Protein backbone atom coordinates (compact mmCIF):
# COMPACT_ATOMS: atom_id res chain seq x y z
CA MET A 1 287.46 147.50 -100.93
CA LEU A 2 286.55 151.24 -101.39
CA ILE A 3 283.02 150.28 -102.40
CA LYS A 4 282.47 147.94 -99.38
CA GLU A 5 283.80 150.82 -97.16
CA ALA A 6 281.46 153.27 -98.80
CA PHE A 7 278.46 150.96 -98.26
CA GLN A 8 279.46 150.58 -94.67
CA GLU A 9 279.68 154.31 -94.26
CA ALA A 10 276.36 154.61 -95.74
CA SER A 11 274.99 152.19 -93.08
CA ILE A 12 274.07 149.61 -95.62
CA VAL A 13 273.35 146.37 -93.59
CA ASN A 14 272.94 144.05 -96.66
CA ASN A 15 275.30 141.23 -97.34
CA ILE A 16 278.01 142.40 -99.74
CA SER A 17 280.05 140.01 -101.68
CA THR A 18 282.97 141.01 -103.92
CA VAL A 19 285.27 139.35 -106.52
CA ASN A 20 288.24 140.78 -108.15
CA ASN A 21 287.87 139.57 -111.73
CA GLY A 22 285.41 138.87 -114.37
CA GLU A 23 286.06 135.24 -114.42
CA LYS A 24 285.36 134.99 -110.61
CA ALA A 25 282.31 137.06 -111.03
CA ILE A 26 280.88 134.56 -113.51
CA GLN A 27 281.75 131.66 -111.19
CA PHE A 28 280.16 133.43 -108.31
CA LEU A 29 277.02 134.24 -110.26
CA GLY A 30 276.92 130.70 -111.68
CA LYS A 31 277.46 129.25 -108.21
CA SER A 32 280.54 127.36 -109.49
CA ALA A 33 283.22 126.07 -107.12
CA PRO A 34 284.20 127.61 -104.68
CA TYR A 35 280.87 129.59 -104.61
CA GLU A 36 278.24 126.92 -104.53
CA ASP A 37 276.77 128.02 -101.28
CA GLU A 38 276.72 131.81 -101.95
CA MET A 39 273.47 133.63 -102.23
CA SER A 40 272.45 135.23 -105.67
CA PRO A 41 272.77 138.92 -105.37
CA ASP A 42 269.73 141.37 -105.39
CA LEU A 43 271.91 143.95 -107.10
CA ILE A 44 275.21 143.87 -109.21
CA LEU A 45 277.73 146.72 -109.27
CA LEU A 46 280.02 146.07 -112.19
CA ASP A 47 283.17 147.65 -113.52
CA VAL A 48 283.76 147.30 -117.32
CA ASN A 49 287.53 147.26 -116.75
CA LEU A 50 287.78 143.89 -114.93
CA PRO A 51 290.77 141.62 -115.60
CA ARG A 52 290.37 138.20 -117.18
CA LYS A 53 286.90 138.75 -118.43
CA ASN A 54 285.62 142.35 -118.80
CA GLY A 55 282.53 143.75 -117.37
CA TYR A 56 280.70 143.40 -120.76
CA GLU A 57 281.49 139.69 -120.73
CA VAL A 58 280.01 139.51 -117.23
CA LEU A 59 276.99 141.76 -118.07
CA GLU A 60 276.23 139.48 -121.23
CA TYR A 61 276.51 136.30 -118.97
CA VAL A 62 273.84 137.95 -116.49
CA LYS A 63 271.52 139.20 -119.05
CA THR A 64 271.32 136.09 -121.13
CA ASN A 65 270.93 133.79 -118.03
CA ASP A 66 267.29 133.14 -117.18
CA ARG A 67 268.04 132.69 -113.47
CA LEU A 68 270.05 136.14 -113.28
CA LYS A 69 268.68 138.37 -115.92
CA GLN A 70 266.16 140.01 -113.76
CA ILE A 71 268.94 141.27 -111.24
CA PRO A 72 269.58 144.92 -111.90
CA VAL A 73 273.13 145.58 -113.12
CA ILE A 74 274.73 149.11 -112.35
CA ILE A 75 277.86 149.81 -114.39
CA LEU A 76 280.21 151.69 -112.03
CA THR A 77 283.32 152.67 -113.78
CA THR A 78 285.85 155.23 -114.37
CA SER A 79 284.92 155.59 -118.03
CA ALA A 80 282.65 158.37 -119.21
CA ASP A 81 283.13 157.43 -122.90
CA ASP A 82 279.97 157.50 -125.00
CA LYS A 83 280.90 154.14 -126.61
CA ASP A 84 281.11 152.41 -123.12
CA ILE A 85 277.79 154.07 -122.14
CA LEU A 86 276.08 152.93 -125.30
CA LYS A 87 277.57 149.36 -125.14
CA SER A 88 276.36 149.02 -121.50
CA TYR A 89 272.80 149.97 -122.35
CA LYS A 90 272.71 147.92 -125.61
CA ASN A 91 273.74 144.89 -123.27
CA TYR A 92 270.80 145.67 -120.94
CA ALA A 93 272.65 147.27 -117.99
CA ASN A 94 270.13 149.14 -115.73
CA CYS A 95 272.15 152.20 -115.43
CA PHE A 96 275.66 153.61 -116.02
CA ILE A 97 277.53 155.71 -113.37
CA THR A 98 280.91 157.11 -113.79
CA LYS A 99 283.03 156.75 -110.53
CA PRO A 100 283.89 160.19 -109.03
CA VAL A 101 287.69 160.47 -108.53
CA ASN A 102 287.33 162.34 -105.30
CA VAL A 103 286.74 160.00 -102.35
CA ASP A 104 284.06 162.23 -100.76
CA ASP A 105 282.15 162.47 -103.89
CA PHE A 106 282.58 158.70 -104.38
CA LEU A 107 281.10 158.16 -100.93
CA LYS A 108 278.14 160.47 -101.91
CA THR A 109 277.62 158.58 -105.15
CA VAL A 110 277.48 155.14 -103.16
CA ALA A 111 274.92 156.71 -100.67
CA LYS A 112 272.74 157.75 -103.73
CA ILE A 113 272.96 154.25 -105.15
CA GLU A 114 271.92 152.80 -101.89
CA ASN A 115 269.05 155.28 -101.43
CA PHE A 116 267.60 154.58 -104.94
CA TRP A 117 268.52 150.81 -105.57
CA VAL A 118 268.21 149.57 -101.97
CA GLN A 119 265.57 151.77 -100.26
CA LEU A 120 263.43 153.29 -102.92
CA ILE A 121 262.72 150.86 -105.67
CA LYS A 122 261.22 147.31 -105.22
CA LEU A 123 263.54 144.63 -106.69
CA PRO A 124 262.06 141.28 -107.95
CA PRO A 125 262.11 138.26 -105.52
CA GLN A 126 264.76 135.74 -106.07
CA GLU A 127 263.57 132.51 -107.79
């Protein structure tokens, strides 16, 4: 919810969809019930510490799926552990960001994500 609020505060007008565990993330991305009619995302923000299936399992699902693998995946997590950073990049995450603990710093981080990934770079078209 805080991420949604941060994107709203940063005036991001894109559609934002959220799920609360890795199993639902895979269902959403795979367009399985009840997500058959959902649009595929242009960008994925992923926490490694998800329940049911962790973020690495979701990342592997995305990066081994021909329909999804071109979608940039940002790991946004509380971890700053070198093992988590290395594992994320070895599994083809596009970037790794440690979530700031302070709410104001978190909002600034989300604004920077929006500035770079939504406004500055060109994402591939959806197939």
